[in-house]
C-alpha atoms as a PDB file:
ATOM      1  CA  MET A   1      -0.383  17.552   4.303  1.00  0.00           C
ATOM      2  CA  PRO A   2       2.484  17.006   3.366  1.00  0.00           C
ATOM      3  CA  PRO A   3       5.642  19.538   3.098  1.00  0.00           C
ATOM      4  CA  SER A   4       7.019  20.012   0.290  1.00  0.00           C
ATOM      5  CA  ARG A   5      10.132  22.652  -0.681  1.00  0.00           C
ATOM      6  CA  SER A   6      11.295  25.691  -2.845  1.00  0.00           C
ATOM      7  CA  GLY A   7      14.106  27.811  -3.672  1.00  0.00           C
ATOM      8  CA  GLY A   8      17.476  27.063  -2.281  1.00  0.00           C
ATOM      9  CA  ILE A   9      21.039  25.669  -2.619  1.00  0.00           C
ATOM     10  CA  LEU A  10      22.185  22.371  -1.426  1.00  0.00           C
ATOM     11  CA  GLY A  11      19.432  22.558   0.681  1.00  0.00           C
ATOM     12  CA  LEU A  12      20.158  26.029   2.792  1.00  0.00           C
ATOM     13  CA  GLY A  13      17.403  29.046   2.538  1.00  0.00           C
ATOM     14  CA  ASP A  14      14.776  26.553   1.734  1.00  0.00           C
ATOM     15  CA  LYS A  15      10.822  27.421   1.816  1.00  0.00           C
ATOM     16  CA  LEU A  16       8.921  24.632   3.308  1.00  0.00           C
ATOM     17  CA  PHE A  17       4.734  25.104   2.618  1.00  0.00           C
ATOM     18  CA  ALA A  18       2.409  22.484   3.112  1.00  0.00           C
ATOM     19  CA  VAL A  19       0.324  21.687   0.046  1.00  0.00           C
ATOM     20  CA  PRO A  20      -3.968  20.901   0.471  1.00  0.00           C
ATOM     21  CA  PRO A  21      -5.130  17.789   0.929  1.00  0.00           C
ATOM     22  CA  TRP A  22      -4.323  14.176  -0.547  1.00  0.00           C
ATOM     23  CA  GLU A  23      -7.595  15.435  -2.875  1.00  0.00           C
ATOM     24  CA  ALA A  24      -5.870  17.691  -4.643  1.00  0.00           C
ATOM     25  CA  LEU A  25      -2.961  15.057  -5.111  1.00  0.00           C
ATOM     26  CA  ARG A  26      -3.105  13.356  -8.287  1.00  0.00           C
ATOM     27  CA  TYR A  27      -0.758   9.401  -8.113  1.00  0.00           C
ATOM     28  CA  ASN A  28       1.255   8.473 -11.293  1.00  0.00           C
ATOM     29  CA  ALA A  29       2.188   4.852 -10.585  1.00  0.00           C
ATOM     30  CA  THR A  30       4.915   5.290 -13.613  1.00  0.00           C
ATOM     31  CA  ASP A  31       7.042   6.875 -11.990  1.00  0.00           C
ATOM     32  CA  ASP A  32       5.169   6.774  -8.165  1.00  0.00           C
ATOM     33  CA  THR A  33       4.959   9.836  -7.783  1.00  0.00           C
ATOM     34  CA  PHE A  34       2.740  12.308  -6.243  1.00  0.00           C
ATOM     35  CA  VAL A  35       1.794  15.309  -8.768  1.00  0.00           C
ATOM     36  CA  LEU A  36       0.075  18.344  -7.672  1.00  0.00           C
ATOM     37  CA  ASP A  37      -0.879  20.414 -10.840  1.00  0.00           C
ATOM     38  CA  MET A  38      -1.206  23.115  -9.526  1.00  0.00           C
ATOM     39  CA  PRO A  39      -0.170  27.266 -11.184  1.00  0.00           C
ATOM     40  CA  ARG A  40       3.696  27.918 -10.167  1.00  0.00           C
ATOM     41  CA  GLU A  41       1.865  31.808  -8.964  1.00  0.00           C
ATOM     42  CA  ARG A  42      -0.024  29.758  -6.235  1.00  0.00           C
ATOM     43  CA  LEU A  43       2.849  27.783  -4.570  1.00  0.00           C
ATOM     44  CA  GLU A  44       5.613  30.159  -5.299  1.00  0.00           C
ATOM     45  CA  ASN A  45       3.086  32.316  -2.945  1.00  0.00           C
ATOM     46  CA  ALA A  46       1.767  29.941  -0.644  1.00  0.00           C
ATOM     47  CA  PRO A  47       1.970  30.423   3.066  1.00  0.00           C
ATOM     48  CA  GLY A  48       5.351  29.379   4.537  1.00  0.00           C
ATOM     49  CA  PHE A  49       7.003  28.185   7.172  1.00  0.00           C
ATOM     50  CA  ASP A  50      10.629  27.968   8.449  1.00  0.00           C
ATOM     51  CA  LYS A  51      12.316  23.770   8.247  1.00  0.00           C
ATOM     52  CA  ASP A  52      12.621  24.201  11.905  1.00  0.00           C
ATOM     53  CA  ASN A  53       9.346  25.656  13.095  1.00  0.00           C
ATOM     54  CA  TRP A  54       6.276  23.408  12.022  1.00  0.00           C
ATOM     55  CA  PRO A  55       3.118  24.918  11.923  1.00  0.00           C
ATOM     56  CA  THR A  56       0.849  22.036  14.593  1.00  0.00           C
ATOM     57  CA  THR A  57      -2.688  21.163  13.327  1.00  0.00           C
ATOM     58  CA  ALA A  58      -3.629  22.987  16.740  1.00  0.00           C
ATOM     59  CA  GLU A  59      -3.280  25.818  14.764  1.00  0.00           C
ATOM     60  CA  ARG A  60      -6.034  26.553  13.271  1.00  0.00           C
ATOM     61  CA  GLY A  61      -5.976  30.007  11.584  1.00  0.00           C
ATOM     62  CA  TRP A  62      -2.650  28.924  10.057  1.00  0.00           C
ATOM     63  CA  LEU A  63      -4.609  26.257   9.055  1.00  0.00           C
ATOM     64  CA  THR A  64      -7.606  28.124   6.822  1.00  0.00           C
ATOM     65  CA  GLY A  65      -4.930  30.154   5.223  1.00  0.00           C
ATOM     66  CA  MET A  66      -3.607  27.616   3.746  1.00  0.00           C
ATOM     67  CA  TYR A  67      -6.855  25.487   2.963  1.00  0.00           C
ATOM     68  CA  SER A  68      -8.528  29.329   1.472  1.00  0.00           C
ATOM     69  CA  HIS A  69      -5.096  29.394  -0.470  1.00  0.00           C
ATOM     70  CA  TYR A  70      -5.400  26.480  -2.675  1.00  0.00           C
ATOM     71  CA  GLY A  71      -9.060  26.849  -2.869  1.00  0.00           C
ATOM     72  CA  TYR A  72     -10.270  24.077  -0.392  1.00  0.00           C
ATOM     73  CA  THR A  73     -12.892  25.556   1.463  1.00  0.00           C
ATOM     74  CA  PRO A  74     -14.619  25.354   4.193  1.00  0.00           C
ATOM     75  CA  PRO A  75     -11.673  22.937   5.496  1.00  0.00           C
ATOM     76  CA  TYR A  76     -13.231  19.380   5.982  1.00  0.00           C
ATOM     77  CA  TRP A  77     -12.966  19.871  10.200  1.00  0.00           C
ATOM     78  CA  GLU A  78     -16.555  22.610   8.869  1.00  0.00           C
ATOM     79  CA  ARG A  79     -17.066  20.442   6.638  1.00  0.00           C
ATOM     80  CA  ARG A  80     -20.669  19.515   7.678  1.00  0.00           C
ATOM     81  CA  SER A  81     -21.093  15.434   7.899  1.00  0.00           C
ATOM     82  CA  GLU A  82     -23.647  14.166   5.585  1.00  0.00           C
ATOM     83  CA  ARG A  83     -23.606  11.036   6.912  1.00  0.00           C
END
């Protein structure tokens, strides 16, 4: 989950938030960027974290809430293997 920024002035007071899984991102080869096609309201209301206090992947409750917020349920670690 790559972090993204929202708000702040000159990098001060920024809210960091995790974006959904890589499958939610579209690669734009022309600009060599990734694009997240998401309504602004959903991004603004996303679960955030402080730049000095990142959540860890061990915090499953936080991760589950983040995946749910973006509509990616169940999260990958709860999906049954199709093998």
